[in-house]
């Protein structure tokens, strides 16, 4: 029986004696195609040069130059891995978002790329999924799942020798086909450090896809009899990963957290939501895991998804209990319900390494001698008057607090530390019915969502608008121009939550669980603000941004009437600057909402910027402006309002020796992954400063982000 479909010309198989294959050393039966390959005709036209070129020609020239620089001839096509990107599988040919294997529909797309005539003959075991995402953009003929796949040449030839000729013709194509002589395999952070300990004189690292043996220098140095004592302040992602690195390398680490462990923290948050009891040191912002624990648990980042450092962080999360699909999902997220057991496992591992964890312990001051930090003064976080404070001595202090630790900023100023005001964004949190967002994004396909249990993911969105005073926008002298407005921390199937750390202030955020099954979708709509905006309200000095935030948080609390009630306004009323009704659509915010005119909240230039952007977003997402959508005030804590200057290489503060500011609160990260990466590299830097290791381990993780450039 023939293996080929009836409408295809059968393959005529002959054994051709090619040069011995380096992987097998045997001749292969090679299929000979009975037809000639079609050649793309070249089009000759008059050339334009320099400024005479059209913009499209300039773009093509740049792409060609980039391709010339990037693509190099492949020495041996029959070893290593070929990475095939942007493989689009129509939704009707894919099992759905939760399937992470190689489907027949995906084999069809792979066969097209390598020009193999019969997809069903390709062995599934020769391919592994690197990335899977869902693309439902309106410009497409139909929605599709988009894959990145690694093709193991040795395994493919072993299972299907007739692919030899097709691989021999395969050529790299920028962004589509890439040859990797050696598979880019990296382990989790723990494995990387352990491997360096086992083979300190023969360490295998990777650089640009090539293996490099660093036998001449050691990565790990056995610590001296007296262990280096390091305090890590804050148990968010940066603090946890800094602690992990330092403890694995032999330091005596104490992790100090003002909030509570996730079990008690969950009970404190429950008391807030049900009985309106706000624990000042254990809430949605403070506690084990940081502010990201009770959020959507997003793992998207702009610092390089495929970089060694990000992969090490992601695989470490999997090691502690995260599902493996976060390594493949194009928009990975965990959800609060998965973060809680993950953090418990992380904590237990740290304790197994000898890390001392002090929950409910607030750092009140730094102990400084001759410009060098020698320890910290701490007290019980429930003790507001600091009656029972104690001094703890350390060789170094890693400051890994979040951006809501405003008292820490004040304390640093008391030591004459340099704090630099930083741009951030403020705005409102918008909430729509999730079914509406599904219809806007998916049209008829919206029925396939099934509250997170369907074939396609719960619909989300990401919108950006730069206001330049044109296209009917605000006038150039209004103050609204020259700023970006964008959606931030979009939580499909989520809820709006309170992130206040003071009863007299009110600010909100979004969160969702792993399944994203809520009937609401929410996102922050924010506008960028800078020192010019701070000065407009009379906010000056290093903490001008903090004062700016507090101004609107206090105003929102007053507009809500107190007791953590949030002021809200329908989008249609906000766009027309009116308050036509006192009743508003249902909200997921559980502490109550009150109708208010949110135009009274911000200065006019910020309000106009938000209005204009919402109008623009409605053109991109028709139906975005609706009376069913509700704006909640206020969203202010999008990122840190300050940055603490530090040395690029050592991560040490430029103001105080022995202090290492890292993560989101220090102004070097924004989100779980970027904060974890910053904490990881800081851990290596501190360990190197105390002679616990050389720099070899980091070479397998890629280059650390520059201290002066912050990407989230």
Foldseek 3Di string as FASTA:
>chain_A
DDPDPPVDDDWDWDFDDDQQAPLHRDTFTATDDPDDDDDDDDDDDDDDDDPRDDPVVVVVVVVVVVCVVPFDDDPHLQAAKKKFWFQWFFLVQDQFDVDQFQGLSSLVSVCVQLVPDDSVQFDRVQKGWQAWEWDQDPVDPGITITTIMIGGNSVRCVSPVNSVVSSVPHGDDPPGIDGQNHDLDDAAPLVLLVQLVVCQQFHWFDDPRDTDTRRPGGFFDDDDPDAAEEEEEAQALLSLQLLVLQLSLGHAYEYEFQAEQPVVLVVQQVCCLPVVDHDLQRYCAGDHRGNCLFAAQWLDFDPDCPFQLLVNPVNVLVVLPADPCQSHYPTDGAFNVRSNSSSVSSVVVSVVSVYHYHYQKDFQAFDDDPQATFWTWIARSVPPVRPPIDTDGGLFYEYAHAQVPVSVVVRCVVLVADKAFDKDKKFWKKKFFLLLQLCLRNPVCSVQCQLLPGRYHRHWDKDKDAAACPPPADHPPQLLHPKMKIWASKQALWAKEWDDSDQLFTAIHIGGGPSSRHRMIMTGTIIMDDVVQLVVVPQDDSCSLVVVLRLLRNVQCVQLPGSRAWEKEALVCLLVQHQPDFDAADHRYSRHYTYDRCCVRDPVSRSSNSNVRQVVVCVVRPPSRDSNMMITDIHRPQFRRIAFDADFQLQAGPRGHSYHYAAGNNPAAGHSSRRNSRSNSNSSSPCVVVPRGDCVSCSNRDDDDGPVDHTD
